[in-house]
Protein backbone atom coordinates (compact mmCIF):
# COMPACT_ATOMS: atom_id res chain seq x y z
CA UNK A 1 43.13 105.61 -1.20
CA UNK A 2 44.80 107.36 1.55
CA UNK A 3 47.71 106.83 3.99
CA UNK A 4 46.55 103.58 5.55
CA UNK A 5 46.89 101.78 2.48
CA UNK A 6 49.72 103.57 0.98
CA UNK A 7 52.16 102.93 3.92
CA UNK A 8 51.80 99.12 3.23
CA UNK A 9 53.46 99.46 -0.18
CA UNK A 10 57.07 99.48 -0.90
CA UNK A 11 58.70 102.27 -2.78
CA UNK A 12 59.19 100.67 -6.33
CA UNK A 13 59.56 103.83 -8.76
CA UNK A 14 61.38 106.86 -9.36
CA UNK A 15 59.22 110.11 -8.98
CA UNK A 16 58.82 110.97 -12.79
CA UNK A 17 58.23 107.25 -13.79
CA UNK A 18 60.75 107.67 -16.68
CA UNK A 19 62.42 104.16 -16.04
CA UNK A 20 60.87 101.48 -18.27
CA UNK A 21 59.52 98.75 -16.37
CA UNK A 22 59.47 95.33 -17.99
CA UNK A 23 55.87 94.25 -17.39
CA UNK A 24 55.16 91.30 -14.96
CA UNK A 25 52.75 90.19 -12.45
CA UNK A 26 54.78 90.20 -9.15
CA UNK A 27 54.21 87.52 -6.52
CA UNK A 28 54.84 90.32 -3.74
CA UNK A 29 51.88 92.28 -2.82
CA UNK A 30 52.01 95.81 -3.94
CA UNK A 31 51.86 98.07 -7.00
CA UNK A 32 51.65 96.26 -10.33
CA UNK A 33 53.22 97.29 -13.80
CA UNK A 34 51.43 94.53 -16.18
CA UNK A 35 49.43 95.00 -19.29
CA UNK A 36 46.42 92.97 -20.13
CA UNK A 37 44.27 93.13 -23.35
CA UNK A 38 41.14 91.40 -24.54
CA UNK A 39 39.06 91.43 -27.72
CA UNK A 40 36.13 90.43 -25.84
CA UNK A 41 36.91 86.70 -26.04
CA UNK A 42 40.42 85.92 -24.38
CA UNK A 43 42.74 88.01 -22.12
CA UNK A 44 46.44 88.21 -22.86
CA UNK A 45 49.27 89.40 -21.23
CA UNK A 46 51.54 91.70 -23.11
CA UNK A 47 55.28 91.50 -22.13
CA UNK A 48 57.61 94.45 -22.77
CA UNK A 49 58.73 97.74 -21.34
CA UNK A 50 56.02 100.13 -19.88
CA UNK A 51 55.17 102.30 -17.07
CA UNK A 52 56.52 101.73 -13.51
CA UNK A 53 54.26 99.78 -11.35
CA UNK A 54 51.23 101.89 -10.09
CA UNK A 55 47.80 101.98 -8.81
CA UNK A 56 44.98 104.63 -9.51
CA UNK A 57 46.37 105.86 -12.44
CA UNK A 58 43.96 106.82 -15.26
CA UNK A 59 43.49 105.51 -18.89
CA UNK A 60 41.37 106.82 -21.95
CA UNK A 61 41.16 105.75 -25.48
CA UNK A 62 42.23 108.69 -27.83
CA UNK A 63 40.10 108.10 -30.87
CA UNK A 64 41.82 110.49 -33.42
CA UNK A 65 45.18 109.10 -32.72
CA UNK A 66 43.87 105.38 -32.37
CA UNK A 67 45.76 104.83 -28.99
CA UNK A 68 45.33 104.88 -25.30
CA UNK A 69 46.76 107.56 -23.10
CA UNK A 70 47.86 106.98 -19.48
CA UNK A 71 48.71 109.44 -16.72
CA UNK A 72 49.56 109.72 -13.43
CA UNK A 73 48.83 107.05 -10.56
CA UNK A 74 50.74 106.27 -7.23
CA UNK A 75 53.33 103.83 -5.92
CA UNK A 76 53.95 104.06 -1.95
CA UNK A 77 54.73 107.69 -1.44
CA UNK A 78 55.31 108.58 -4.90
CA UNK A 79 52.60 110.17 -7.28
CA UNK A 80 53.53 110.30 -10.94
CA UNK A 81 52.92 112.87 -13.52
CA UNK A 82 54.27 110.87 -16.61
CA UNK A 83 52.46 110.29 -19.76
CA UNK A 84 52.28 107.07 -21.71
CA UNK A 85 50.47 105.87 -24.82
CA UNK A 86 49.68 102.36 -25.80
CA UNK A 87 49.19 101.61 -29.57
CA UNK A 88 47.92 98.09 -29.27
CA UNK A 89 51.60 96.42 -29.15
CA UNK A 90 53.80 98.66 -27.01
CA UNK A 91 54.07 101.53 -24.47
CA UNK A 92 55.49 104.72 -25.35
CA UNK A 93 56.56 107.56 -22.92
CA UNK A 94 55.67 111.11 -24.14
CA UNK A 95 57.45 113.84 -23.47
CA UNK A 96 55.11 117.01 -23.43
CA UNK A 97 56.11 120.61 -23.11
CA UNK A 98 53.25 120.92 -20.36
CA UNK A 99 51.92 118.56 -18.01
CA UNK A 100 49.40 118.36 -15.19
CA UNK A 101 50.78 118.30 -11.49
CA UNK A 102 51.34 114.50 -10.19
CA UNK A 103 48.23 112.86 -9.03
CA UNK A 104 46.29 109.75 -8.39
CA UNK A 105 42.45 108.96 -8.76
CA UNK A 106 41.66 111.37 -11.49
CA UNK A 107 38.84 111.25 -13.98
CA UNK A 108 39.64 111.04 -17.76
CA UNK A 109 37.91 110.43 -20.91
CA UNK A 110 37.90 111.31 -24.73
CA UNK A 111 35.87 114.24 -25.68
CA UNK A 112 34.34 113.54 -29.22
CA UNK A 113 33.07 117.27 -29.57
CA UNK A 114 36.59 118.51 -29.26
CA UNK A 115 38.72 115.59 -30.18
CA UNK A 116 41.04 115.59 -27.20
CA UNK A 117 41.37 113.81 -23.86
CA UNK A 118 39.69 115.57 -20.71
CA UNK A 119 41.34 114.98 -17.35
CA UNK A 120 39.79 116.41 -14.20
CA UNK A 121 40.74 116.50 -10.37
CA UNK A 122 42.43 113.83 -8.35
CA UNK A 123 44.79 113.89 -5.44
CA UNK A 124 47.77 115.90 -5.82
CA UNK A 125 50.46 115.55 -3.24
CA UNK A 126 51.74 118.12 -1.02
CA UNK A 127 53.76 117.98 2.50
CA UNK A 128 50.71 116.29 4.28
CA UNK A 129 48.43 113.61 2.61
CA UNK A 130 47.55 115.72 -0.67
CA UNK A 131 44.68 117.98 -1.73
CA UNK A 132 41.80 117.25 -4.18
CA UNK A 133 42.27 119.09 -7.42
CA UNK A 134 39.82 120.89 -9.34
CA UNK A 135 41.49 121.48 -12.47
CA UNK A 136 40.71 120.62 -16.07
CA UNK A 137 43.34 119.49 -18.55
CA UNK A 138 43.23 118.42 -22.33
CA UNK A 139 45.66 115.99 -24.27
CA UNK A 140 45.95 116.37 -28.04
CA UNK A 141 48.21 113.36 -28.56
CA UNK A 142 51.40 115.73 -28.25
CA UNK A 143 50.82 118.14 -25.34
CA UNK A 144 48.65 118.92 -22.29
CA UNK A 145 46.93 122.30 -22.06
CA UNK A 146 45.15 123.56 -18.91
CA UNK A 147 41.72 124.54 -19.59
CA UNK A 148 40.88 126.97 -16.60
CA UNK A 149 40.10 128.08 -14.48
CA UNK A 150 36.92 126.36 -15.92
CA UNK A 151 33.57 128.01 -15.31
CA UNK A 152 31.17 126.18 -13.13
CA UNK A 153 33.53 123.56 -12.29
CA UNK A 154 32.49 120.71 -9.99
CA UNK A 155 34.94 121.53 -7.43
CA UNK A 156 37.94 119.52 -5.81
CA UNK A 157 37.54 116.03 -5.87
CA UNK A 158 39.35 112.49 -6.11
CA UNK A 159 37.97 109.35 -7.19
CA UNK A 160 35.35 110.78 -9.70
CA UNK A 161 34.70 108.86 -12.95
CA UNK A 162 34.53 110.25 -16.45
CA UNK A 163 33.08 108.45 -19.41
CA UNK A 164 32.78 109.27 -23.18
CA UNK A 165 28.95 109.45 -23.90
CA UNK A 166 26.78 109.60 -27.21
CA UNK A 167 27.47 113.33 -27.55
CA UNK A 168 30.48 114.39 -25.14
CA UNK A 169 31.64 113.55 -21.72
CA UNK A 170 30.09 112.94 -18.29
CA UNK A 171 31.82 113.18 -15.02
CA UNK A 172 30.28 111.50 -11.83
CA UNK A 173 31.04 111.59 -8.19
CA UNK A 174 34.22 111.48 -6.25
CA UNK A 175 34.94 112.59 -2.85
CA UNK A 176 37.06 115.11 -0.18
CA UNK A 177 38.62 112.57 1.95
CA UNK A 178 36.03 111.00 4.33
CA UNK A 179 34.27 114.19 4.66
CA UNK A 180 32.42 114.85 1.44
CA UNK A 181 31.20 112.25 -0.93
CA UNK A 182 29.53 113.31 -4.35
CA UNK A 183 26.91 111.96 -6.60
CA UNK A 184 26.50 114.83 -9.27
CA UNK A 185 26.67 114.40 -12.71
CA UNK A 186 28.60 117.07 -15.11
CA UNK A 187 29.10 117.61 -18.88
CA UNK A 188 31.64 119.52 -20.42
CA UNK A 189 31.22 122.05 -23.45
CA UNK A 190 35.05 122.88 -24.17
CA UNK A 191 35.03 125.98 -21.85
CA UNK A 192 32.76 125.14 -18.79
CA UNK A 193 31.36 122.38 -16.71
CA UNK A 194 27.35 122.14 -16.38
CA UNK A 195 25.60 120.09 -13.85
CA UNK A 196 23.01 117.90 -15.58
CA UNK A 197 21.02 116.08 -12.83
CA UNK A 198 18.53 117.14 -10.32
CA UNK A 199 18.27 116.66 -6.55
CA UNK A 200 17.32 113.25 -6.28
CA UNK A 201 20.77 111.41 -6.64
CA UNK A 202 22.32 108.18 -5.26
CA UNK A 203 24.55 108.36 -1.99
CA UNK A 204 27.64 110.15 -2.39
CA UNK A 205 30.43 107.96 -3.56
CA UNK A 206 34.08 107.95 -5.09
CA UNK A 207 36.16 105.27 -6.79
CA UNK A 208 32.68 103.59 -8.32
CA UNK A 209 32.56 101.25 -11.43
CA UNK A 210 31.22 103.48 -14.24
CA UNK A 211 30.33 102.82 -17.83
CA UNK A 212 28.54 104.31 -20.67
CA UNK A 213 25.67 101.93 -21.65
CA UNK A 214 25.60 102.42 -25.38
CA UNK A 215 22.48 100.31 -26.06
CA UNK A 216 20.28 102.22 -23.41
CA UNK A 217 22.06 105.60 -23.76
CA UNK A 218 22.73 105.84 -20.03
CA UNK A 219 25.32 106.06 -17.21
CA UNK A 220 25.80 102.96 -15.18
CA UNK A 221 27.09 103.19 -11.85
CA UNK A 222 28.03 100.36 -9.38
CA UNK A 223 29.54 100.44 -5.81
CA UNK A 224 32.56 102.43 -4.66
CA UNK A 225 33.39 104.10 -1.49
CA UNK A 226 30.78 106.37 0.62
CA UNK A 227 30.91 107.99 4.12
CA UNK A 228 32.19 106.12 6.86
CA UNK A 229 30.59 107.29 9.90
CA UNK A 230 32.91 105.59 12.37
CA UNK A 231 36.17 106.96 10.86
CA UNK A 232 37.66 110.40 11.00
CA UNK A 233 38.47 112.58 7.87
CA UNK A 234 41.31 110.72 6.78
CA UNK A 235 39.67 107.18 7.12
CA UNK A 236 38.89 104.77 4.33
CA UNK A 237 35.33 105.01 3.10
CA UNK A 238 32.76 102.40 3.52
CA UNK A 239 32.17 99.92 0.70
CA UNK A 240 28.99 100.15 -1.48
CA UNK A 241 27.18 97.49 -3.23
CA UNK A 242 24.19 99.56 -4.88
CA UNK A 243 23.57 100.03 -8.64
CA UNK A 244 22.19 103.30 -10.25
CA UNK A 245 21.36 104.30 -13.70
CA UNK A 246 21.29 107.95 -14.91
CA UNK A 247 19.00 108.42 -18.15
CA UNK A 248 17.21 111.28 -19.41
CA UNK A 249 18.35 113.63 -16.80
CA UNK A 250 17.12 111.25 -13.91
CA UNK A 251 18.74 108.75 -11.51
CA UNK A 252 17.02 105.30 -11.33
CA UNK A 253 17.88 102.80 -8.56
CA UNK A 254 18.19 99.25 -9.68
CA UNK A 255 16.46 96.70 -7.36
CA UNK A 256 17.90 93.37 -8.61
CA UNK A 257 20.68 92.12 -6.27
CA UNK A 258 24.06 92.20 -7.93
CA UNK A 259 27.93 91.78 -6.76
CA UNK A 260 28.72 92.07 -3.24
CA UNK A 261 30.01 95.52 -1.99
CA UNK A 262 33.13 96.46 -4.09
CA UNK A 263 35.41 99.52 -4.67
CA UNK A 264 38.36 100.49 -6.97
CA UNK A 265 36.61 98.11 -9.71
CA UNK A 266 36.64 98.36 -13.38
CA UNK A 267 33.70 98.78 -15.58
CA UNK A 268 33.50 97.93 -19.33
CA UNK A 269 31.09 98.05 -22.16
CA UNK A 270 30.39 94.56 -23.86
CA UNK A 271 29.35 95.70 -27.26
CA UNK A 272 28.81 92.09 -28.67
CA UNK A 273 26.37 91.04 -25.75
CA UNK A 274 25.26 94.87 -25.19
CA UNK A 275 26.03 94.39 -21.27
CA UNK A 276 27.99 96.19 -18.70
CA UNK A 277 30.71 94.01 -17.20
CA UNK A 278 32.19 94.74 -13.64
CA UNK A 279 35.56 93.45 -12.92
CA UNK A 280 38.43 93.33 -10.45
CA UNK A 281 38.41 95.63 -7.44
CA UNK A 282 38.68 95.59 -3.76
CA UNK A 283 36.12 93.39 -1.80
CA UNK A 284 37.81 93.78 1.47
CA UNK A 285 40.03 92.63 2.93
CA UNK A 286 41.28 91.21 -0.53
CA UNK A 287 41.53 92.16 -4.00
CA UNK A 288 39.44 90.04 -6.38
CA UNK A 289 39.31 88.97 -10.12
CA UNK A 290 35.51 88.39 -10.21
CA UNK A 291 33.36 89.50 -13.28
CA UNK A 292 29.73 90.58 -13.14
CA UNK A 293 27.42 91.21 -16.08
CA UNK A 294 24.47 93.72 -16.34
CA UNK A 295 22.36 93.23 -19.32
CA UNK A 296 19.86 96.09 -18.71
CA UNK A 297 17.39 94.13 -16.84
CA UNK A 298 19.22 91.52 -14.50
CA UNK A 299 22.74 90.75 -13.07
CA UNK A 300 24.60 87.63 -13.65
CA UNK A 301 27.98 86.33 -12.33
CA UNK A 302 30.29 85.57 -15.26
CA UNK A 303 32.83 84.16 -13.11
CA UNK A 304 36.73 84.91 -12.52
CA UNK A 305 38.19 87.31 -15.33
CA UNK A 306 41.34 86.12 -17.05
CA UNK A 307 43.54 88.84 -15.08
CA UNK A 308 44.86 88.17 -11.54
CA UNK A 309 43.26 89.90 -8.64
CA UNK A 310 43.83 93.53 -8.16
CA UNK A 311 42.26 96.88 -7.32
CA UNK A 312 42.95 100.22 -8.75
CA UNK A 313 43.88 99.25 -12.13
CA UNK A 314 43.37 101.55 -15.06
CA UNK A 315 41.37 100.35 -17.80
CA UNK A 316 40.04 101.66 -21.23
CA UNK A 317 38.33 100.38 -24.44
CA UNK A 318 38.08 101.39 -28.08
CA UNK A 319 34.80 101.57 -30.12
CA UNK A 320 35.03 97.96 -31.24
CA UNK A 321 35.40 96.80 -27.42
CA UNK A 322 39.07 96.03 -27.25
CA UNK A 323 40.20 96.38 -23.51
CA UNK A 324 43.40 97.49 -22.01
CA UNK A 325 44.00 96.98 -18.17
CA UNK A 326 47.30 98.21 -16.54
CA UNK A 327 48.55 97.93 -13.23
CA UNK A 328 46.84 98.31 -9.88
CA UNK A 329 47.81 96.90 -6.74
CA UNK A 330 47.26 93.28 -5.32
CA UNK A 331 47.86 94.44 -1.82
CA UNK A 332 45.20 93.46 0.83
CA UNK A 333 43.68 95.72 3.38
CA UNK A 334 40.86 98.16 3.92
């Protein structure tokens, strides 16, 4: 999310994010630093110290260490480069010897083949509005290692999404400002990225709601932001409301109508009902707490989720379906 939204946010945190923040849901619009969990039945806010308030951080479940790792994010003019882990009860700030540059809107997921968490791209700050990264990093529970320059990399982008699949990781989409929007799919083999889709793709987009459908062994994509033909290179993209499924190397457009156009939302897999849930996000001009469900054949409105409205929250889940949501922003605007 670029300068038009960032300028509205009060600077709340030190640049390196080292000051613990007592989690709460602020009544003042802006970056949030609260932590929410659910076992699939009830949402619960967890109090205690943790990362400074931020939006557009990235979060992934780290299977070998049975915890969640959070990296980066943004609060006003500050981009973070801190690493935190969540063990199901509390946050712990890590002190790795190496780390990626600060960034927001990166893609990250656990790689089951190499037993590390993979991070790719994002918007890295500079003296202007930042530049889109094309770097690949791995987290082993103690330190970050840059895996590059990776062969066949997808190229610079922010707002891409990455998921853990049946046999690896899959990266989708992303964009360069309001200039180029991608809709490509890539896999990682430990040393190189490889494109896995053909020429027929969805319209390009960033910041989509993306999840791996474990029952149908497919990538589920909803909404996000696409090219804004009336705006300049730094303009916010146009909200999208279409649904796509990637399975067997082919993209399929889903016809049944679903949620209204939505960006910076979260997608999670509901293992008990074997469905994808889309929740939270920016509806323009206000963030939402809505939840929608896709069961493989039709959409249904599941009502409000038990988390206050926000966009740009970080979320991840373990194999049992336990979900963690951190931060985001409740700032209005578009």
